[in-house]
Amino acid sequence: MHPTITLKAAIESTTLAETIVPDIDTLTACDISAERIVSLLELRQRYQSGGSDRAAVIRHWEFLRLLVASGKMEA
């Protein structure tokens, strides 16, 4: 599996590409791998389409947890 192809497929598969591209640019500027970015996009899509009241909060917590786990942010 080639990360760039997977990342391009993830961008093309979403209907909100214009809001996702700046997020991807920011994440790549922070040296986050393509695999992690795809995982984040999948999490975002899953939580946004879930319809739960807690989805926004959970999505932010998952993102922060990922940043801490990858060493991009201190706890």
C-alpha atoms as a PDB file:
ATOM      1  CA  MET A   1       0.000   0.000   0.000  1.00  0.00           C
ATOM      2  CA  HIS A   2       1.497   3.302  -1.096  1.00  0.00           C
ATOM      3  CA  PRO A   3       0.792   6.101   1.455  1.00  0.00           C
ATOM      4  CA  THR A   4       0.529   8.868  -1.149  1.00  0.00           C
ATOM      5  CA  ILE A   5      -2.017   6.973  -3.214  1.00  0.00           C
ATOM      6  CA  THR A   6      -3.989   6.163  -0.081  1.00  0.00           C
ATOM      7  CA  LEU A   7      -3.893   9.798   1.020  1.00  0.00           C
ATOM      8  CA  LYS A   8      -5.073  10.966  -2.408  1.00  0.00           C
ATOM      9  CA  ALA A   9      -7.879   8.407  -2.337  1.00  0.00           C
ATOM     10  CA  ALA A  10      -8.925   9.605   1.122  1.00  0.00           C
ATOM     11  CA  ILE A  11      -9.054  13.212  -0.079  1.00  0.00           C
ATOM     12  CA  GLU A  12     -11.038  12.311  -3.187  1.00  0.00           C
ATOM     13  CA  SER A  13     -13.494  10.131  -1.279  1.00  0.00           C
ATOM     14  CA  THR A  14     -14.637  12.954   0.967  1.00  0.00           C
ATOM     15  CA  THR A  15     -17.155  15.616   0.037  1.00  0.00           C
ATOM     16  CA  LEU A  16     -15.380  18.252   2.140  1.00  0.00           C
ATOM     17  CA  ALA A  17     -12.074  18.286   0.262  1.00  0.00           C
ATOM     18  CA  GLU A  18     -11.769  22.062   0.445  1.00  0.00           C
ATOM     19  CA  THR A  19     -11.731  21.966   4.261  1.00  0.00           C
ATOM     20  CA  ILE A  20      -9.573  18.850   4.512  1.00  0.00           C
ATOM     21  CA  VAL A  21      -6.690  19.994   2.299  1.00  0.00           C
ATOM     22  CA  PRO A  22      -5.572  22.783   4.699  1.00  0.00           C
ATOM     23  CA  ASP A  23      -5.705  20.283   7.572  1.00  0.00           C
ATOM     24  CA  ILE A  24      -3.556  17.841   5.611  1.00  0.00           C
ATOM     25  CA  ASP A  25      -1.088  20.605   4.764  1.00  0.00           C
ATOM     26  CA  THR A  26      -0.817  21.512   8.446  1.00  0.00           C
ATOM     27  CA  LEU A  27      -0.337  17.896   9.499  1.00  0.00           C
ATOM     28  CA  THR A  28       2.310  17.238   6.845  1.00  0.00           C
ATOM     29  CA  ALA A  29       4.120  20.416   7.901  1.00  0.00           C
ATOM     30  CA  CYS A  30       4.334  18.844  11.376  1.00  0.00           C
ATOM     31  CA  ASP A  31       5.975  15.729   9.860  1.00  0.00           C
ATOM     32  CA  ILE A  32       3.000  13.457  10.535  1.00  0.00           C
ATOM     33  CA  SER A  33       3.078  10.393   8.292  1.00  0.00           C
ATOM     34  CA  ALA A  34       0.591   9.805   5.500  1.00  0.00           C
ATOM     35  CA  GLU A  35      -0.702   6.692   7.278  1.00  0.00           C
ATOM     36  CA  ARG A  36      -1.533   8.715  10.398  1.00  0.00           C
ATOM     37  CA  ILE A  37      -3.192  11.436   8.342  1.00  0.00           C
ATOM     38  CA  VAL A  38      -5.379   8.846   6.622  1.00  0.00           C
ATOM     39  CA  SER A  39      -6.276   7.420  10.047  1.00  0.00           C
ATOM     40  CA  LEU A  40      -7.221  10.887  11.260  1.00  0.00           C
ATOM     41  CA  LEU A  41      -9.367  11.498   8.185  1.00  0.00           C
ATOM     42  CA  GLU A  42     -11.126   8.177   8.717  1.00  0.00           C
ATOM     43  CA  LEU A  43     -11.741   9.008  12.382  1.00  0.00           C
ATOM     44  CA  ARG A  44     -13.048  12.431  11.440  1.00  0.00           C
ATOM     45  CA  GLN A  45     -15.412  10.982   8.866  1.00  0.00           C
ATOM     46  CA  ARG A  46     -16.636   8.266  11.246  1.00  0.00           C
ATOM     47  CA  TYR A  47     -17.317  10.683  14.094  1.00  0.00           C
ATOM     48  CA  GLN A  48     -18.889  13.333  11.873  1.00  0.00           C
ATOM     49  CA  SER A  49     -21.272  10.872  10.285  1.00  0.00           C
ATOM     50  CA  GLY A  50     -22.138   9.190  13.582  1.00  0.00           C
ATOM     51  CA  GLY A  51     -24.628  11.835  14.619  1.00  0.00           C
ATOM     52  CA  SER A  52     -23.673  11.640  18.278  1.00  0.00           C
ATOM     53  CA  ASP A  53     -23.778  14.762  20.449  1.00  0.00           C
ATOM     54  CA  ARG A  54     -20.387  13.772  21.826  1.00  0.00           C
ATOM     55  CA  ALA A  55     -18.798  13.211  18.427  1.00  0.00           C
ATOM     56  CA  ALA A  56     -17.167  16.659  18.238  1.00  0.00           C
ATOM     57  CA  VAL A  57     -15.668  16.345  21.698  1.00  0.00           C
ATOM     58  CA  ILE A  58     -14.517  12.785  21.119  1.00  0.00           C
ATOM     59  CA  ARG A  59     -13.014  13.731  17.757  1.00  0.00           C
ATOM     60  CA  HIS A  60     -10.951  16.496  19.362  1.00  0.00           C
ATOM     61  CA  TRP A  61      -9.818  14.190  22.183  1.00  0.00           C
ATOM     62  CA  GLU A  62      -8.802  11.476  19.690  1.00  0.00           C
ATOM     63  CA  PHE A  63      -6.824  14.014  17.691  1.00  0.00           C
ATOM     64  CA  LEU A  64      -5.071  15.356  20.795  1.00  0.00           C
ATOM     65  CA  ARG A  65      -4.340  11.830  21.977  1.00  0.00           C
ATOM     66  CA  LEU A  66      -2.790  11.027  18.597  1.00  0.00           C
ATOM     67  CA  LEU A  67      -0.615  14.149  18.744  1.00  0.00           C
ATOM     68  CA  VAL A  68       0.600  13.244  22.239  1.00  0.00           C
ATOM     69  CA  ALA A  69       1.212   9.617  21.267  1.00  0.00           C
ATOM     70  CA  SER A  70       3.240  10.652  18.235  1.00  0.00           C
ATOM     71  CA  GLY A  71       5.320  13.084  20.306  1.00  0.00           C
ATOM     72  CA  LYS A  72       4.099  16.168  18.419  1.00  0.00           C
ATOM     73  CA  MET A  73       2.530  17.595  21.580  1.00  0.00           C
ATOM     74  CA  GLU A  74       3.362  17.305  25.268  1.00  0.00           C
ATOM     75  CA  ALA A  75       0.755  16.074  27.721  1.00  0.00           C
END
